[in-house]
């Protein structure tokens, strides 16, 4: 769930992106995982899905290597694009502003913080 106001707009990085709809100070919690609403899929269940379903989860979700399941958020966090110079960072189950983020800036995260990249998945 978001703790700040956001909007979805065309991104220079990839398709659509997640943008700040307000100024966000450094260290502000921007987003928290919602364990009650987010989808968690075991590797076994994932393997039983159709290719289209797998592709959707791979595109909008990630493999949570700490908990060994696929994770698909229920909300617009799926539009947060990857950047090696990300302005958000993962702290526990929260995304936190690494520095001040101005209104209308695209919010990004380094996906390597949470994603297990395996060719056979």
C-alpha atoms as a PDB file:
ATOM      1  CA  UNK A   1       0.000   0.000   0.000  1.00  0.00           C
ATOM      2  CA  UNK A   2       1.194   3.481  -0.784  1.00  0.00           C
ATOM      3  CA  UNK A   3       1.935   6.045   1.916  1.00  0.00           C
ATOM      4  CA  UNK A   4       2.293   8.862  -0.625  1.00  0.00           C
ATOM      5  CA  UNK A   5       0.250  10.098  -3.555  1.00  0.00           C
ATOM      6  CA  UNK A   6       1.303   8.582  -6.894  1.00  0.00           C
ATOM      7  CA  UNK A   7       0.247   8.596 -10.521  1.00  0.00           C
ATOM      8  CA  UNK A   8       0.881   6.397 -13.548  1.00  0.00           C
ATOM      9  CA  UNK A   9       2.315   8.163 -16.612  1.00  0.00           C
ATOM     10  CA  UNK A  10       4.319   7.306 -19.734  1.00  0.00           C
ATOM     11  CA  UNK A  11       7.914   6.528 -18.763  1.00  0.00           C
ATOM     12  CA  UNK A  12      11.174   7.235 -20.579  1.00  0.00           C
ATOM     13  CA  UNK A  13      12.483   4.035 -18.976  1.00  0.00           C
ATOM     14  CA  UNK A  14       9.819   1.521 -20.018  1.00  0.00           C
ATOM     15  CA  UNK A  15       6.189   1.901 -21.104  1.00  0.00           C
ATOM     16  CA  UNK A  16       4.354   3.243 -18.093  1.00  0.00           C
ATOM     17  CA  UNK A  17       5.941   4.340 -14.838  1.00  0.00           C
ATOM     18  CA  UNK A  18       5.128   5.262 -11.263  1.00  0.00           C
ATOM     19  CA  UNK A  19       5.479   8.987 -10.551  1.00  0.00           C
ATOM     20  CA  UNK A  20       5.362  11.030  -7.362  1.00  0.00           C
ATOM     21  CA  UNK A  21       2.231  13.133  -7.066  1.00  0.00           C
ATOM     22  CA  UNK A  22       3.742  15.073  -4.147  1.00  0.00           C
ATOM     23  CA  UNK A  23       7.192  15.997  -2.862  1.00  0.00           C
ATOM     24  CA  UNK A  24       8.643  13.086  -0.880  1.00  0.00           C
ATOM     25  CA  UNK A  25      11.387  13.670   1.696  1.00  0.00           C
ATOM     26  CA  UNK A  26      14.422  11.402   2.087  1.00  0.00           C
ATOM     27  CA  UNK A  27      13.767   8.340   4.299  1.00  0.00           C
ATOM     28  CA  UNK A  28       9.975   8.590   3.915  1.00  0.00           C
ATOM     29  CA  UNK A  29       8.260   5.200   3.683  1.00  0.00           C
ATOM     30  CA  UNK A  30       6.673   5.271   0.240  1.00  0.00           C
ATOM     31  CA  UNK A  31       5.206   1.771   0.034  1.00  0.00           C
ATOM     32  CA  UNK A  32       4.581  -1.267   2.244  1.00  0.00           C
ATOM     33  CA  UNK A  33       3.766  -4.804   1.177  1.00  0.00           C
ATOM     34  CA  UNK A  34       0.198  -5.804   2.012  1.00  0.00           C
ATOM     35  CA  UNK A  35       0.383  -9.435   3.057  1.00  0.00           C
ATOM     36  CA  UNK A  36      -3.408  -9.736   3.183  1.00  0.00           C
ATOM     37  CA  UNK A  37      -4.057  -8.615  -0.399  1.00  0.00           C
ATOM     38  CA  UNK A  38      -0.902  -9.498  -2.343  1.00  0.00           C
ATOM     39  CA  UNK A  39      -0.776 -12.826  -4.153  1.00  0.00           C
ATOM     40  CA  UNK A  40       1.831 -15.371  -3.060  1.00  0.00           C
ATOM     41  CA  UNK A  41       2.377 -18.355  -5.353  1.00  0.00           C
ATOM     42  CA  UNK A  42       4.521 -21.352  -4.433  1.00  0.00           C
ATOM     43  CA  UNK A  43       7.054 -22.579  -7.012  1.00  0.00           C
ATOM     44  CA  UNK A  44       4.984 -25.760  -7.398  1.00  0.00           C
ATOM     45  CA  UNK A  45       1.781 -23.825  -8.098  1.00  0.00           C
ATOM     46  CA  UNK A  46       3.681 -21.489 -10.440  1.00  0.00           C
ATOM     47  CA  UNK A  47       4.909 -24.493 -12.447  1.00  0.00           C
ATOM     48  CA  UNK A  48       1.307 -25.643 -12.923  1.00  0.00           C
ATOM     49  CA  UNK A  49       0.159 -22.309 -14.424  1.00  0.00           C
ATOM     50  CA  UNK A  50      -0.246 -21.613 -18.127  1.00  0.00           C
ATOM     51  CA  UNK A  51       2.583 -19.860 -19.958  1.00  0.00           C
ATOM     52  CA  UNK A  52       0.460 -16.707 -20.185  1.00  0.00           C
ATOM     53  CA  UNK A  53      -0.164 -16.712 -16.423  1.00  0.00           C
ATOM     54  CA  UNK A  54       3.539 -17.277 -15.730  1.00  0.00           C
ATOM     55  CA  UNK A  55       4.495 -14.440 -18.078  1.00  0.00           C
ATOM     56  CA  UNK A  56       2.098 -12.062 -16.320  1.00  0.00           C
ATOM     57  CA  UNK A  57       3.510 -12.918 -12.898  1.00  0.00           C
ATOM     58  CA  UNK A  58       7.096 -12.601 -14.184  1.00  0.00           C
ATOM     59  CA  UNK A  59       6.348  -9.226 -15.759  1.00  0.00           C
ATOM     60  CA  UNK A  60       4.410  -7.619 -12.894  1.00  0.00           C
ATOM     61  CA  UNK A  61       5.726  -9.614  -9.943  1.00  0.00           C
ATOM     62  CA  UNK A  62       8.954 -11.129  -8.715  1.00  0.00           C
ATOM     63  CA  UNK A  63      10.374 -14.215  -7.073  1.00  0.00           C
ATOM     64  CA  UNK A  64      10.782 -13.544  -3.341  1.00  0.00           C
ATOM     65  CA  UNK A  65      13.962 -15.455  -2.641  1.00  0.00           C
ATOM     66  CA  UNK A  66      13.764 -14.854   1.129  1.00  0.00           C
ATOM     67  CA  UNK A  67      10.381 -16.611   1.340  1.00  0.00           C
ATOM     68  CA  UNK A  68      10.697 -18.880  -1.715  1.00  0.00           C
ATOM     69  CA  UNK A  69       7.507 -17.837  -3.485  1.00  0.00           C
ATOM     70  CA  UNK A  70       6.353 -15.675  -6.364  1.00  0.00           C
ATOM     71  CA  UNK A  71       4.911 -12.337  -5.248  1.00  0.00           C
ATOM     72  CA  UNK A  72       2.353 -10.296  -7.183  1.00  0.00           C
ATOM     73  CA  UNK A  73       1.201  -7.017  -5.633  1.00  0.00           C
ATOM     74  CA  UNK A  74      -2.463  -6.081  -5.821  1.00  0.00           C
ATOM     75  CA  UNK A  75      -1.840  -2.398  -6.588  1.00  0.00           C
ATOM     76  CA  UNK A  76       0.055  -0.026  -8.890  1.00  0.00           C
ATOM     77  CA  UNK A  77       3.522  -0.755  -7.469  1.00  0.00           C
ATOM     78  CA  UNK A  78       3.833  -2.995 -10.536  1.00  0.00           C
ATOM     79  CA  UNK A  79       4.522   0.189 -12.534  1.00  0.00           C
ATOM     80  CA  UNK A  80       7.670   1.002 -10.536  1.00  0.00           C
ATOM     81  CA  UNK A  81      10.442   0.588 -13.099  1.00  0.00           C
ATOM     82  CA  UNK A  82      13.990  -0.692 -12.567  1.00  0.00           C
ATOM     83  CA  UNK A  83      16.995   1.598 -12.388  1.00  0.00           C
ATOM     84  CA  UNK A  84      20.525   1.049 -11.135  1.00  0.00           C
ATOM     85  CA  UNK A  85      20.295   4.680  -9.951  1.00  0.00           C
ATOM     86  CA  UNK A  86      16.990   4.097  -8.147  1.00  0.00           C
ATOM     87  CA  UNK A  87      15.471   6.680  -5.838  1.00  0.00           C
ATOM     88  CA  UNK A  88      13.677   4.029  -3.733  1.00  0.00           C
ATOM     89  CA  UNK A  89      15.295   1.273  -1.694  1.00  0.00           C
ATOM     90  CA  UNK A  90      13.962  -1.795   0.072  1.00  0.00           C
ATOM     91  CA  UNK A  91      14.095  -1.666   3.883  1.00  0.00           C
ATOM     92  CA  UNK A  92      12.380  -4.720   5.362  1.00  0.00           C
ATOM     93  CA  UNK A  93       8.964  -4.862   3.669  1.00  0.00           C
ATOM     94  CA  UNK A  94       8.977  -1.152   2.838  1.00  0.00           C
ATOM     95  CA  UNK A  95      10.182   0.964  -0.058  1.00  0.00           C
ATOM     96  CA  UNK A  96      11.849   4.090   1.295  1.00  0.00           C
ATOM     97  CA  UNK A  97      12.999   7.271  -0.475  1.00  0.00           C
ATOM     98  CA  UNK A  98      16.808   7.189  -0.828  1.00  0.00           C
ATOM     99  CA  UNK A  99      16.826  10.965  -1.243  1.00  0.00           C
ATOM    100  CA  UNK A 100      14.295  13.752  -1.706  1.00  0.00           C
ATOM    101  CA  UNK A 101      11.944  12.996  -4.605  1.00  0.00           C
ATOM    102  CA  UNK A 102      10.206  15.888  -6.309  1.00  0.00           C
ATOM    103  CA  UNK A 103       6.590  15.880  -7.401  1.00  0.00           C
ATOM    104  CA  UNK A 104       6.391  14.521 -10.988  1.00  0.00           C
ATOM    105  CA  UNK A 105       9.687  12.552 -10.688  1.00  0.00           C
ATOM    106  CA  UNK A 106       9.528   8.914 -11.728  1.00  0.00           C
ATOM    107  CA  UNK A 107      10.043   6.599  -8.770  1.00  0.00           C
ATOM    108  CA  UNK A 108      12.352   3.669  -9.458  1.00  0.00           C
ATOM    109  CA  UNK A 109      13.895   0.721  -7.659  1.00  0.00           C
ATOM    110  CA  UNK A 110      16.900  -1.473  -8.312  1.00  0.00           C
ATOM    111  CA  UNK A 111      15.143  -4.807  -8.879  1.00  0.00           C
ATOM    112  CA  UNK A 112      18.301  -6.646  -7.831  1.00  0.00           C
ATOM    113  CA  UNK A 113      17.336  -5.856  -4.234  1.00  0.00           C
ATOM    114  CA  UNK A 114      14.611  -8.490  -4.311  1.00  0.00           C
ATOM    115  CA  UNK A 115      14.489 -10.378  -7.569  1.00  0.00           C
ATOM    116  CA  UNK A 116      16.067 -13.731  -8.229  1.00  0.00           C
ATOM    117  CA  UNK A 117      17.071 -13.780 -11.880  1.00  0.00           C
ATOM    118  CA  UNK A 118      17.083 -17.359 -13.150  1.00  0.00           C
ATOM    119  CA  UNK A 119      16.819 -18.341 -16.809  1.00  0.00           C
ATOM    120  CA  UNK A 120      14.802 -21.458 -16.008  1.00  0.00           C
ATOM    121  CA  UNK A 121      12.019 -19.561 -14.217  1.00  0.00           C
END
